[in-house]
N, C-alpha and C. Protein backbone atom coordinates (compact mmCIF):
# COMPACT_ATOMS: atom_id res chain seq x y z
N UNK A 1 63.40 97.77 76.24
CA UNK A 1 63.33 96.74 77.29
C UNK A 1 64.40 95.68 77.07
N UNK A 2 64.54 95.29 75.78
CA UNK A 2 65.54 94.26 75.46
C UNK A 2 66.94 94.78 75.72
N UNK A 3 67.16 96.10 75.42
CA UNK A 3 68.49 96.66 75.63
C UNK A 3 68.83 96.72 77.11
N UNK A 4 67.81 97.00 77.95
CA UNK A 4 68.04 97.04 79.40
C UNK A 4 68.42 95.66 79.91
N UNK A 5 67.71 94.63 79.42
CA UNK A 5 68.04 93.26 79.81
C UNK A 5 69.45 92.89 79.37
N UNK A 6 69.82 93.38 78.15
CA UNK A 6 71.16 93.10 77.66
C UNK A 6 72.22 93.71 78.53
N UNK A 7 72.00 94.98 78.97
CA UNK A 7 72.95 95.65 79.85
C UNK A 7 73.08 94.94 81.18
N UNK A 8 71.92 94.48 81.71
CA UNK A 8 71.94 93.77 82.98
C UNK A 8 72.73 92.48 82.85
N UNK A 9 72.52 91.77 81.69
CA UNK A 9 73.24 90.51 81.46
C UNK A 9 74.73 90.75 81.35
N UNK A 10 75.10 91.82 80.61
CA UNK A 10 76.52 92.13 80.46
C UNK A 10 77.13 92.49 81.80
N UNK A 11 76.38 93.28 82.60
CA UNK A 11 76.87 93.67 83.91
C UNK A 11 77.07 92.47 84.81
N UNK A 12 76.12 91.54 84.78
CA UNK A 12 76.23 90.33 85.60
C UNK A 12 77.42 89.49 85.14
N UNK A 13 77.59 89.39 83.83
CA UNK A 13 78.72 88.62 83.30
C UNK A 13 80.04 89.28 83.68
N UNK A 14 80.05 90.62 83.64
CA UNK A 14 81.26 91.34 84.03
C UNK A 14 81.62 91.11 85.48
N UNK A 15 80.62 91.10 86.35
CA UNK A 15 80.87 90.86 87.77
C UNK A 15 81.41 89.45 87.99
N UNK A 16 80.87 88.50 87.22
CA UNK A 16 81.35 87.12 87.34
C UNK A 16 82.80 87.01 86.91
N UNK A 17 83.12 87.66 85.79
CA UNK A 17 84.49 87.63 85.30
C UNK A 17 85.43 88.35 86.27
N UNK A 18 84.95 89.43 86.88
CA UNK A 18 85.80 90.20 87.79
C UNK A 18 86.24 89.36 88.98
N UNK A 19 85.41 88.42 89.38
CA UNK A 19 85.77 87.56 90.51
C UNK A 19 86.91 86.62 90.17
N UNK A 20 87.22 86.49 88.89
CA UNK A 20 88.25 85.54 88.48
C UNK A 20 89.67 86.08 88.63
N UNK A 21 89.83 87.39 88.86
CA UNK A 21 91.19 87.95 88.85
C UNK A 21 92.06 87.38 89.95
N UNK A 22 91.48 87.15 91.13
CA UNK A 22 92.27 86.60 92.22
C UNK A 22 92.69 85.15 91.96
N UNK A 23 91.73 84.26 91.57
CA UNK A 23 92.15 82.89 91.26
C UNK A 23 93.19 82.81 90.15
N UNK A 24 93.08 83.68 89.14
CA UNK A 24 94.05 83.69 88.05
C UNK A 24 95.44 84.09 88.55
N UNK A 25 95.48 85.09 89.44
CA UNK A 25 96.76 85.53 89.97
C UNK A 25 97.40 84.45 90.84
N UNK A 26 96.57 83.79 91.65
CA UNK A 26 97.08 82.69 92.48
C UNK A 26 97.56 81.54 91.60
N UNK A 27 96.81 81.24 90.55
CA UNK A 27 97.20 80.16 89.64
C UNK A 27 98.52 80.49 88.95
N UNK A 28 98.71 81.78 88.59
CA UNK A 28 99.96 82.18 87.95
C UNK A 28 101.15 81.92 88.87
N UNK A 29 100.99 82.22 90.16
CA UNK A 29 102.07 82.00 91.12
C UNK A 29 102.32 80.50 91.31
N UNK A 30 101.26 79.70 91.21
CA UNK A 30 101.40 78.25 91.43
C UNK A 30 102.02 77.54 90.23
N UNK A 31 102.02 78.19 89.06
CA UNK A 31 102.58 77.54 87.86
C UNK A 31 104.05 77.17 88.06
N UNK A 32 104.94 78.10 88.45
CA UNK A 32 106.34 77.71 88.67
C UNK A 32 106.50 76.69 89.79
N UNK A 33 105.69 76.84 90.85
CA UNK A 33 105.77 75.87 91.96
C UNK A 33 105.40 74.48 91.48
N UNK A 34 104.34 74.41 90.69
CA UNK A 34 103.93 73.11 90.14
C UNK A 34 104.98 72.53 89.21
N UNK A 35 105.64 73.40 88.43
CA UNK A 35 106.69 72.93 87.52
C UNK A 35 107.87 72.35 88.31
N UNK A 36 108.24 73.02 89.39
CA UNK A 36 109.33 72.51 90.24
C UNK A 36 108.97 71.15 90.81
N UNK A 37 107.73 71.03 91.32
CA UNK A 37 107.28 69.76 91.89
C UNK A 37 107.27 68.66 90.82
N UNK A 38 106.82 69.01 89.62
CA UNK A 38 106.74 68.02 88.54
C UNK A 38 108.13 67.48 88.17
N UNK A 39 109.06 68.40 87.97
CA UNK A 39 110.41 67.95 87.59
C UNK A 39 111.09 67.19 88.73
N UNK A 40 110.81 67.59 89.95
CA UNK A 40 111.40 66.89 91.08
C UNK A 40 110.86 65.47 91.19
N UNK A 41 109.56 65.32 90.93
CA UNK A 41 108.97 63.98 90.93
C UNK A 41 109.59 63.13 89.82
N UNK A 42 109.79 63.74 88.63
CA UNK A 42 110.39 63.04 87.52
C UNK A 42 111.80 62.55 87.86
N UNK A 43 112.48 63.31 88.72
CA UNK A 43 113.84 62.92 89.13
C UNK A 43 113.83 61.99 90.34
N UNK A 44 112.65 61.57 90.76
CA UNK A 44 112.56 60.64 91.89
C UNK A 44 112.99 61.26 93.20
N UNK A 45 112.80 62.59 93.35
CA UNK A 45 113.16 63.31 94.57
C UNK A 45 114.65 63.15 94.92
N UNK A 46 115.46 62.92 93.89
CA UNK A 46 116.90 62.74 94.10
C UNK A 46 117.57 64.10 94.07
N UNK A 47 118.11 64.52 95.21
CA UNK A 47 118.74 65.83 95.31
C UNK A 47 119.96 65.94 94.39
N UNK A 48 120.64 64.83 94.17
CA UNK A 48 121.83 64.85 93.33
C UNK A 48 121.49 65.18 91.87
N UNK A 49 120.23 65.00 91.50
CA UNK A 49 119.80 65.32 90.15
C UNK A 49 119.07 66.66 90.09
N UNK A 50 119.26 67.48 91.11
CA UNK A 50 118.52 68.73 91.19
C UNK A 50 118.87 69.71 90.07
N UNK A 51 120.04 69.53 89.42
CA UNK A 51 120.39 70.38 88.29
C UNK A 51 119.36 70.22 87.18
N UNK A 52 118.89 69.00 86.96
CA UNK A 52 117.87 68.76 85.94
C UNK A 52 116.56 69.46 86.29
N UNK A 53 116.24 69.51 87.58
CA UNK A 53 115.04 70.21 88.02
C UNK A 53 115.18 71.70 87.71
N UNK A 54 116.29 72.29 88.13
CA UNK A 54 116.52 73.72 87.92
C UNK A 54 116.56 74.08 86.44
N UNK A 55 117.29 73.29 85.67
CA UNK A 55 117.43 73.57 84.25
C UNK A 55 116.09 73.40 83.53
N UNK A 56 115.30 72.41 83.98
CA UNK A 56 113.99 72.19 83.36
C UNK A 56 113.03 73.34 83.60
N UNK A 57 113.01 73.85 84.82
CA UNK A 57 112.09 74.93 85.16
C UNK A 57 112.52 76.24 84.51
N UNK A 58 113.80 76.57 84.58
CA UNK A 58 114.27 77.86 84.06
C UNK A 58 114.39 77.89 82.54
N UNK A 59 114.22 76.76 81.88
CA UNK A 59 114.34 76.71 80.42
C UNK A 59 113.04 76.31 79.74
N UNK A 60 111.97 76.18 80.51
CA UNK A 60 110.69 75.74 79.95
C UNK A 60 109.87 76.95 79.50
N UNK A 61 109.69 77.08 78.21
CA UNK A 61 108.96 78.23 77.65
C UNK A 61 107.51 78.23 78.11
N UNK A 62 106.89 77.04 78.17
CA UNK A 62 105.48 76.96 78.54
C UNK A 62 105.23 77.47 79.95
N UNK A 63 106.16 77.21 80.86
CA UNK A 63 106.00 77.65 82.25
C UNK A 63 105.94 79.18 82.32
N UNK A 64 106.86 79.85 81.65
CA UNK A 64 106.91 81.31 81.72
C UNK A 64 105.81 81.95 80.90
N UNK A 65 105.42 81.30 79.79
CA UNK A 65 104.31 81.83 78.99
C UNK A 65 103.01 81.77 79.79
N UNK A 66 102.76 80.66 80.49
CA UNK A 66 101.56 80.53 81.31
C UNK A 66 101.62 81.50 82.49
N UNK A 67 102.78 81.63 83.10
CA UNK A 67 102.96 82.52 84.25
C UNK A 67 102.63 83.97 83.88
N UNK A 68 103.25 84.47 82.81
CA UNK A 68 103.03 85.86 82.39
C UNK A 68 101.63 86.05 81.81
N UNK A 69 101.14 85.05 81.08
CA UNK A 69 99.82 85.16 80.47
C UNK A 69 98.71 85.26 81.50
N UNK A 70 98.77 84.46 82.54
CA UNK A 70 97.75 84.49 83.58
C UNK A 70 97.80 85.80 84.37
N UNK A 71 99.01 86.30 84.61
CA UNK A 71 99.14 87.59 85.31
C UNK A 71 98.53 88.71 84.46
N UNK A 72 98.85 88.70 83.17
CA UNK A 72 98.30 89.73 82.27
C UNK A 72 96.78 89.64 82.21
N UNK A 73 96.26 88.43 82.11
CA UNK A 73 94.81 88.24 82.05
C UNK A 73 94.14 88.71 83.34
N UNK A 74 94.78 88.46 84.47
CA UNK A 74 94.24 88.89 85.76
C UNK A 74 94.11 90.41 85.82
N UNK A 75 95.14 91.12 85.38
CA UNK A 75 95.10 92.58 85.45
C UNK A 75 94.17 93.17 84.40
N UNK A 76 94.06 92.52 83.25
CA UNK A 76 93.12 93.00 82.23
C UNK A 76 91.69 92.88 82.73
N UNK A 77 91.38 91.77 83.37
CA UNK A 77 90.03 91.57 83.93
C UNK A 77 89.75 92.61 85.01
N UNK A 78 90.75 92.88 85.86
CA UNK A 78 90.56 93.88 86.91
C UNK A 78 90.21 95.25 86.31
N UNK A 79 90.88 95.58 85.22
CA UNK A 79 90.68 96.91 84.64
C UNK A 79 89.37 97.02 83.88
N UNK A 80 89.05 96.05 83.03
CA UNK A 80 87.90 96.17 82.15
C UNK A 80 86.58 95.77 82.79
N UNK A 81 86.63 94.94 83.83
CA UNK A 81 85.38 94.47 84.42
C UNK A 81 85.18 94.94 85.86
N UNK A 82 86.09 95.77 86.34
CA UNK A 82 85.90 96.35 87.67
C UNK A 82 84.95 97.52 87.62
N UNK A 83 84.55 98.00 88.78
CA UNK A 83 83.69 99.16 88.86
C UNK A 83 84.39 100.37 88.25
N UNK A 84 83.71 101.13 87.40
CA UNK A 84 84.33 102.25 86.68
C UNK A 84 84.92 103.30 87.62
N UNK A 85 84.29 103.52 88.75
CA UNK A 85 84.75 104.56 89.66
C UNK A 85 86.01 104.18 90.42
N UNK A 86 86.18 102.89 90.60
CA UNK A 86 87.30 102.47 91.46
C UNK A 86 88.34 101.62 90.75
N UNK A 87 88.08 101.20 89.52
CA UNK A 87 88.99 100.25 88.87
C UNK A 87 90.39 100.81 88.68
N UNK A 88 90.49 102.10 88.31
CA UNK A 88 91.82 102.68 88.11
C UNK A 88 92.59 102.75 89.42
N UNK A 89 91.91 103.16 90.46
CA UNK A 89 92.56 103.22 91.77
C UNK A 89 92.99 101.84 92.24
N UNK A 90 92.13 100.85 92.01
CA UNK A 90 92.44 99.49 92.43
C UNK A 90 93.64 98.93 91.68
N UNK A 91 93.65 99.13 90.36
CA UNK A 91 94.75 98.61 89.55
C UNK A 91 96.03 99.33 89.88
N UNK A 92 95.95 100.66 90.10
CA UNK A 92 97.15 101.43 90.45
C UNK A 92 97.71 100.95 91.79
N UNK A 93 96.82 100.63 92.72
CA UNK A 93 97.28 100.16 94.03
C UNK A 93 97.92 98.79 93.94
N UNK A 94 97.48 97.99 92.95
CA UNK A 94 98.01 96.64 92.82
C UNK A 94 99.17 96.55 91.84
N UNK A 95 99.52 97.68 91.20
CA UNK A 95 100.64 97.67 90.27
C UNK A 95 101.94 97.18 90.92
N UNK A 96 102.25 97.57 92.19
CA UNK A 96 103.47 97.06 92.82
C UNK A 96 103.52 95.54 92.92
N UNK A 97 102.36 94.88 92.80
CA UNK A 97 102.35 93.41 92.83
C UNK A 97 103.20 92.85 91.69
N UNK A 98 103.18 93.53 90.54
CA UNK A 98 103.98 93.08 89.40
C UNK A 98 105.47 93.14 89.72
N UNK A 99 105.87 94.20 90.42
CA UNK A 99 107.28 94.32 90.79
C UNK A 99 107.65 93.24 91.81
N UNK A 100 106.75 92.97 92.75
CA UNK A 100 107.00 91.92 93.74
C UNK A 100 107.09 90.55 93.07
N UNK A 101 106.25 90.32 92.06
CA UNK A 101 106.32 89.05 91.33
C UNK A 101 107.63 88.94 90.57
N UNK A 102 108.13 90.09 90.09
CA UNK A 102 109.42 90.09 89.42
C UNK A 102 110.51 89.64 90.38
N UNK A 103 110.44 90.13 91.62
CA UNK A 103 111.41 89.72 92.63
C UNK A 103 111.28 88.24 92.94
N UNK A 104 110.04 87.73 92.94
CA UNK A 104 109.84 86.32 93.24
C UNK A 104 110.47 85.43 92.17
N UNK A 105 110.44 85.89 90.91
CA UNK A 105 111.07 85.12 89.83
C UNK A 105 112.56 84.98 90.09
N UNK A 106 113.19 86.08 90.46
CA UNK A 106 114.63 86.04 90.76
C UNK A 106 114.93 85.21 91.98
N UNK A 107 114.07 85.32 93.00
CA UNK A 107 114.31 84.56 94.23
C UNK A 107 114.21 83.06 93.98
N UNK A 108 113.22 82.65 93.19
CA UNK A 108 113.06 81.22 92.88
C UNK A 108 114.27 80.71 92.10
N UNK A 109 114.73 81.50 91.12
CA UNK A 109 115.90 81.09 90.33
C UNK A 109 117.14 80.99 91.19
N UNK A 110 117.33 81.96 92.09
CA UNK A 110 118.48 81.92 93.00
C UNK A 110 118.39 80.72 93.93
N UNK A 111 117.20 80.45 94.46
CA UNK A 111 117.02 79.31 95.37
C UNK A 111 117.32 77.99 94.68
N UNK A 112 116.88 77.86 93.44
CA UNK A 112 117.14 76.62 92.70
C UNK A 112 118.64 76.44 92.46
N UNK A 113 119.30 77.53 92.10
CA UNK A 113 120.75 77.44 91.86
C UNK A 113 121.50 77.12 93.15
N UNK A 114 121.09 77.76 94.24
CA UNK A 114 121.74 77.51 95.52
C UNK A 114 121.49 76.08 95.99
N UNK A 115 120.31 75.54 95.65
CA UNK A 115 119.97 74.16 96.01
C UNK A 115 120.93 73.17 95.34
N UNK A 116 121.32 73.50 94.10
CA UNK A 116 122.25 72.64 93.38
C UNK A 116 123.61 72.65 94.06
N UNK A 117 124.06 73.86 94.39
CA UNK A 117 125.40 74.02 94.96
C UNK A 117 125.37 75.07 96.06
N UNK A 118 125.14 74.67 97.31
CA UNK A 118 125.06 75.64 98.42
C UNK A 118 126.33 76.47 98.61
N UNK A 119 127.45 75.97 98.12
CA UNK A 119 128.71 76.71 98.28
C UNK A 119 128.98 77.65 97.11
N UNK A 120 128.04 77.78 96.18
CA UNK A 120 128.24 78.63 95.01
C UNK A 120 128.36 80.09 95.43
N UNK A 121 129.23 80.82 94.75
CA UNK A 121 129.43 82.23 95.06
C UNK A 121 128.29 83.06 94.47
N UNK A 122 128.02 84.24 95.05
CA UNK A 122 126.98 85.11 94.49
C UNK A 122 127.22 85.44 93.02
N UNK A 123 128.48 85.57 92.64
CA UNK A 123 128.80 85.89 91.24
C UNK A 123 128.37 84.77 90.30
N UNK A 124 128.63 83.51 90.68
CA UNK A 124 128.24 82.39 89.83
C UNK A 124 126.72 82.26 89.75
N UNK A 125 126.03 82.57 90.85
CA UNK A 125 124.57 82.50 90.84
C UNK A 125 123.99 83.57 89.91
N UNK A 126 124.53 84.79 90.00
CA UNK A 126 124.07 85.86 89.13
C UNK A 126 124.35 85.53 87.67
N UNK A 127 125.53 84.97 87.41
CA UNK A 127 125.89 84.58 86.04
C UNK A 127 124.92 83.52 85.51
N UNK A 128 124.52 82.60 86.38
CA UNK A 128 123.57 81.55 85.99
C UNK A 128 122.24 82.17 85.59
N UNK A 129 121.75 83.13 86.39
CA UNK A 129 120.46 83.74 86.11
C UNK A 129 120.51 84.57 84.83
N UNK A 130 121.60 85.33 84.66
CA UNK A 130 121.74 86.18 83.48
C UNK A 130 121.73 85.35 82.20
N UNK A 131 122.29 84.16 82.25
CA UNK A 131 122.35 83.31 81.07
C UNK A 131 121.09 82.46 80.88
N UNK A 132 120.03 82.79 81.63
CA UNK A 132 118.74 82.15 81.44
C UNK A 132 117.77 83.20 80.90
N UNK A 133 117.62 83.29 79.57
CA UNK A 133 116.80 84.36 78.97
C UNK A 133 115.37 84.40 79.47
N UNK A 134 114.78 83.24 79.75
CA UNK A 134 113.39 83.23 80.19
C UNK A 134 113.24 83.86 81.57
N UNK A 135 114.24 83.65 82.44
CA UNK A 135 114.19 84.23 83.79
C UNK A 135 114.31 85.74 83.72
N UNK A 136 115.36 86.22 83.06
CA UNK A 136 115.57 87.67 82.96
C UNK A 136 114.47 88.33 82.13
N UNK A 137 114.04 87.65 81.07
CA UNK A 137 113.00 88.21 80.21
C UNK A 137 111.68 88.39 80.95
N UNK A 138 111.28 87.39 81.72
CA UNK A 138 110.02 87.49 82.46
C UNK A 138 110.11 88.54 83.56
N UNK A 139 111.27 88.63 84.21
CA UNK A 139 111.45 89.65 85.25
C UNK A 139 111.36 91.05 84.65
N UNK A 140 112.01 91.26 83.52
CA UNK A 140 111.96 92.56 82.85
C UNK A 140 110.53 92.86 82.38
N UNK A 141 109.85 91.84 81.84
CA UNK A 141 108.48 92.03 81.36
C UNK A 141 107.55 92.46 82.48
N UNK A 142 107.71 91.87 83.66
CA UNK A 142 106.86 92.24 84.79
C UNK A 142 107.11 93.67 85.24
N UNK A 143 108.37 94.06 85.31
CA UNK A 143 108.69 95.43 85.73
C UNK A 143 108.18 96.44 84.70
N UNK A 144 108.44 96.17 83.41
CA UNK A 144 108.00 97.08 82.36
C UNK A 144 106.49 97.19 82.31
N UNK A 145 105.79 96.07 82.44
CA UNK A 145 104.33 96.10 82.42
C UNK A 145 103.78 96.86 83.62
N UNK A 146 104.42 96.71 84.78
CA UNK A 146 103.99 97.45 85.96
C UNK A 146 104.17 98.95 85.77
N UNK A 147 105.31 99.35 85.23
CA UNK A 147 105.55 100.77 84.97
C UNK A 147 104.61 101.30 83.89
N UNK A 148 104.37 100.49 82.86
CA UNK A 148 103.46 100.92 81.78
C UNK A 148 102.04 101.08 82.31
N UNK A 149 101.62 100.16 83.15
CA UNK A 149 100.28 100.24 83.73
C UNK A 149 100.13 101.50 84.57
N UNK A 150 101.13 101.78 85.40
CA UNK A 150 101.09 102.99 86.22
C UNK A 150 101.10 104.24 85.35
N UNK A 151 101.84 104.20 84.24
CA UNK A 151 101.93 105.35 83.33
C UNK A 151 100.58 105.63 82.68
N UNK A 152 99.94 104.60 82.13
CA UNK A 152 98.69 104.81 81.41
C UNK A 152 97.53 105.15 82.33
N UNK A 153 97.65 104.84 83.61
CA UNK A 153 96.60 105.18 84.56
C UNK A 153 96.85 106.54 85.21
N UNK A 154 97.94 107.20 84.84
CA UNK A 154 98.25 108.52 85.39
C UNK A 154 97.52 109.61 84.61
N UNK A 155 97.52 110.81 85.17
CA UNK A 155 96.92 111.95 84.48
C UNK A 155 97.83 112.38 83.32
N UNK A 156 97.29 113.19 82.44
CA UNK A 156 98.07 113.64 81.28
C UNK A 156 99.28 114.47 81.72
N UNK A 157 99.09 115.28 82.74
CA UNK A 157 100.20 116.09 83.23
C UNK A 157 101.30 115.21 83.80
N UNK A 158 100.92 114.19 84.54
CA UNK A 158 101.91 113.25 85.08
C UNK A 158 102.62 112.51 83.96
N UNK A 159 101.88 112.14 82.91
CA UNK A 159 102.48 111.46 81.77
C UNK A 159 103.50 112.36 81.06
N UNK A 160 103.16 113.64 80.94
CA UNK A 160 104.11 114.58 80.31
C UNK A 160 105.39 114.68 81.11
N UNK A 161 105.25 114.75 82.43
CA UNK A 161 106.44 114.85 83.28
C UNK A 161 107.30 113.60 83.17
N UNK A 162 106.65 112.44 83.14
CA UNK A 162 107.40 111.19 83.03
C UNK A 162 108.13 111.11 81.69
N UNK A 163 107.43 111.49 80.62
CA UNK A 163 108.05 111.46 79.29
C UNK A 163 109.23 112.43 79.22
N UNK A 164 109.07 113.61 79.82
CA UNK A 164 110.15 114.59 79.81
C UNK A 164 111.37 114.06 80.57
N UNK A 165 111.11 113.44 81.73
CA UNK A 165 112.21 112.88 82.52
C UNK A 165 112.89 111.74 81.77
N UNK A 166 112.08 110.90 81.10
CA UNK A 166 112.64 109.79 80.34
C UNK A 166 113.49 110.28 79.17
N UNK A 167 113.04 111.33 78.49
CA UNK A 167 113.80 111.88 77.37
C UNK A 167 115.10 112.52 77.85
N UNK A 168 115.06 113.17 79.01
CA UNK A 168 116.29 113.75 79.56
C UNK A 168 117.29 112.65 79.90
N UNK A 169 116.78 111.57 80.47
CA UNK A 169 117.65 110.43 80.78
C UNK A 169 118.24 109.84 79.50
N UNK A 170 117.40 109.73 78.45
CA UNK A 170 117.88 109.20 77.17
C UNK A 170 118.95 110.11 76.58
N UNK A 171 118.72 111.41 76.65
CA UNK A 171 119.70 112.36 76.12
C UNK A 171 121.02 112.24 76.87
N UNK A 172 120.95 112.13 78.20
CA UNK A 172 122.18 111.99 78.99
C UNK A 172 122.91 110.70 78.64
N UNK A 173 122.14 109.63 78.42
CA UNK A 173 122.78 108.36 78.06
C UNK A 173 123.46 108.45 76.70
N UNK A 174 122.79 109.08 75.73
CA UNK A 174 123.38 109.21 74.40
C UNK A 174 124.64 110.07 74.43
N UNK A 175 124.63 111.10 75.27
CA UNK A 175 125.80 111.99 75.34
C UNK A 175 126.98 111.29 75.98
N UNK A 176 126.74 110.64 77.11
CA UNK A 176 127.84 110.02 77.85
C UNK A 176 128.06 108.56 77.47
N UNK A 177 126.99 107.87 77.10
CA UNK A 177 127.11 106.45 76.77
C UNK A 177 127.35 106.17 75.31
N UNK A 178 126.96 107.14 74.44
CA UNK A 178 127.15 106.93 73.00
C UNK A 178 128.60 106.69 72.62
N UNK A 179 129.52 107.55 73.05
CA UNK A 179 130.93 107.36 72.67
C UNK A 179 131.63 106.26 73.48
N UNK A 180 130.95 105.67 74.46
CA UNK A 180 131.60 104.65 75.31
C UNK A 180 130.85 103.32 75.25
N UNK A 181 129.74 103.21 75.97
CA UNK A 181 129.03 101.94 76.08
C UNK A 181 128.46 101.48 74.74
N UNK A 182 127.95 102.42 73.95
CA UNK A 182 127.38 102.05 72.66
C UNK A 182 128.44 101.44 71.75
N UNK A 183 129.62 102.05 71.73
CA UNK A 183 130.71 101.51 70.93
C UNK A 183 131.10 100.12 71.42
N UNK A 184 131.11 99.95 72.74
CA UNK A 184 131.44 98.63 73.32
C UNK A 184 130.43 97.57 72.88
N UNK A 185 129.15 97.93 72.86
CA UNK A 185 128.11 96.98 72.45
C UNK A 185 128.23 96.66 70.96
N UNK A 186 128.47 97.69 70.15
CA UNK A 186 128.57 97.49 68.70
C UNK A 186 129.78 96.64 68.32
N UNK A 187 130.80 96.64 69.17
CA UNK A 187 131.99 95.82 68.88
C UNK A 187 131.65 94.34 68.81
N UNK A 188 130.62 93.93 69.55
CA UNK A 188 130.23 92.52 69.55
C UNK A 188 129.66 92.06 68.21
N UNK A 189 129.30 93.02 67.35
CA UNK A 189 128.75 92.67 66.03
C UNK A 189 129.84 92.64 64.96
N UNK A 190 131.08 92.85 65.38
CA UNK A 190 132.19 92.78 64.43
C UNK A 190 132.21 93.89 63.40
N UNK A 191 131.69 95.06 63.75
CA UNK A 191 131.66 96.18 62.82
C UNK A 191 133.04 96.83 62.71
N UNK A 192 133.35 97.41 61.55
CA UNK A 192 134.65 98.10 61.38
C UNK A 192 134.78 99.26 62.36
N UNK A 193 136.01 99.58 62.69
CA UNK A 193 136.27 100.65 63.67
C UNK A 193 135.70 102.00 63.23
N UNK A 194 135.84 102.41 61.97
CA UNK A 194 135.26 103.70 61.56
C UNK A 194 133.74 103.75 61.79
N UNK A 195 133.06 102.62 61.57
CA UNK A 195 131.61 102.57 61.79
C UNK A 195 131.31 102.76 63.27
N UNK A 196 132.11 102.14 64.13
CA UNK A 196 131.92 102.27 65.58
C UNK A 196 132.06 103.73 66.02
N UNK A 197 133.12 104.37 65.52
CA UNK A 197 133.36 105.78 65.87
C UNK A 197 132.22 106.66 65.35
N UNK A 198 131.78 106.41 64.12
CA UNK A 198 130.70 107.20 63.53
C UNK A 198 129.41 107.01 64.31
N UNK A 199 129.13 105.76 64.72
CA UNK A 199 127.93 105.49 65.50
C UNK A 199 127.95 106.20 66.85
N UNK A 200 129.12 106.17 67.51
CA UNK A 200 129.25 106.88 68.78
C UNK A 200 129.07 108.38 68.62
N UNK A 201 129.62 108.94 67.53
CA UNK A 201 129.51 110.37 67.27
C UNK A 201 128.06 110.76 66.99
N UNK A 202 127.37 109.95 66.19
CA UNK A 202 125.96 110.22 65.89
C UNK A 202 125.13 110.20 67.17
N UNK A 203 125.38 109.21 68.04
CA UNK A 203 124.64 109.13 69.30
C UNK A 203 124.90 110.37 70.15
N UNK A 204 126.13 110.82 70.19
CA UNK A 204 126.49 112.01 70.96
C UNK A 204 125.76 113.25 70.43
N UNK A 205 125.75 113.43 69.11
CA UNK A 205 125.11 114.59 68.51
C UNK A 205 123.60 114.55 68.76
N UNK A 206 122.99 113.38 68.58
CA UNK A 206 121.54 113.24 68.81
C UNK A 206 121.21 113.56 70.27
N UNK A 207 122.05 113.09 71.21
CA UNK A 207 121.82 113.37 72.62
C UNK A 207 121.89 114.85 72.93
N UNK A 208 122.88 115.56 72.34
CA UNK A 208 123.02 117.00 72.57
C UNK A 208 121.82 117.76 72.00
N UNK A 209 121.42 117.41 70.78
CA UNK A 209 120.26 118.08 70.16
C UNK A 209 118.98 117.84 70.95
N UNK A 210 118.80 116.60 71.40
CA UNK A 210 117.61 116.27 72.19
C UNK A 210 117.59 117.05 73.50
N UNK A 211 118.74 117.14 74.16
CA UNK A 211 118.81 117.86 75.42
C UNK A 211 118.54 119.35 75.21
N UNK A 212 119.11 119.92 74.15
CA UNK A 212 118.87 121.34 73.85
C UNK A 212 117.40 121.61 73.56
N UNK A 213 116.77 120.67 72.85
CA UNK A 213 115.34 120.83 72.54
C UNK A 213 114.50 120.78 73.80
N UNK A 214 114.84 119.86 74.71
CA UNK A 214 114.10 119.74 75.96
C UNK A 214 114.28 120.98 76.83
N UNK A 215 115.52 121.50 76.87
CA UNK A 215 115.79 122.72 77.64
C UNK A 215 115.02 123.90 77.05
N UNK A 216 114.96 123.97 75.71
CA UNK A 216 114.22 125.04 75.06
C UNK A 216 112.76 124.99 75.40
N UNK A 217 112.15 123.80 75.36
CA UNK A 217 110.74 123.67 75.71
C UNK A 217 110.50 124.02 77.17
N UNK A 218 111.40 123.58 78.05
CA UNK A 218 111.24 123.87 79.47
C UNK A 218 111.33 125.36 79.73
N UNK A 219 112.21 126.06 78.98
CA UNK A 219 112.37 127.50 79.15
C UNK A 219 111.10 128.24 78.71
N UNK A 220 110.50 127.77 77.60
CA UNK A 220 109.25 128.39 77.12
C UNK A 220 108.13 128.21 78.13
N UNK A 221 108.14 127.06 78.82
CA UNK A 221 107.10 126.79 79.81
C UNK A 221 107.37 127.49 81.13
N UNK A 222 108.54 128.16 81.23
CA UNK A 222 108.84 128.88 82.45
C UNK A 222 109.41 128.03 83.53
N UNK A 223 109.92 126.85 83.18
CA UNK A 223 110.46 125.95 84.20
C UNK A 223 111.73 126.52 84.81
N UNK A 224 112.53 127.18 83.97
CA UNK A 224 113.80 127.75 84.44
C UNK A 224 113.70 129.25 84.71
N UNK A 225 112.51 129.71 84.91
CA UNK A 225 112.35 131.11 85.24
C UNK A 225 111.96 131.98 84.06
């Protein structure tokens, strides 16, 4: 009898918590808006000081931590406290919301930069955003979390296909990018030229071996006939 009451209490508590996912998601979206309003008030609504507003919002760790944390909490609540029969379908249907939020982060950053200088070129605006780690980091985190959520909610067969496609892409990158882009990236660390060449060669060999292994597995499975 006591265990039944406990289950009922847990179920009721779960339903109460489940209702919080929408307010949490709305609050997450309002965090950057509130930060913009706060900094603008601090600047006395002076448009000429709008650079301080933009720089304050795009460089504030607390703003992005609260933004991403509330979004994560909202989706966790949806998954763990939703109805067992429908929670996966509901979360999968709402996964694109994470990608849309990623776009909103970029749009807000672009709007703030354009507000500072309406005559700024698209190149300078993109450069501004790229040099703001919190902006790019949060955008990447939202996209990756959305893809990860969709992956873990997929069937095992779908997961295998995704992993196979990802490994093929990785192999192609190592083969073509190892001797080129990888060497270019390693140059920024001031490594000796022989090390750069060796690193590119290793990446190329690993890519070829990985691709051959994937082709061998696909052949055994009858993918190529």
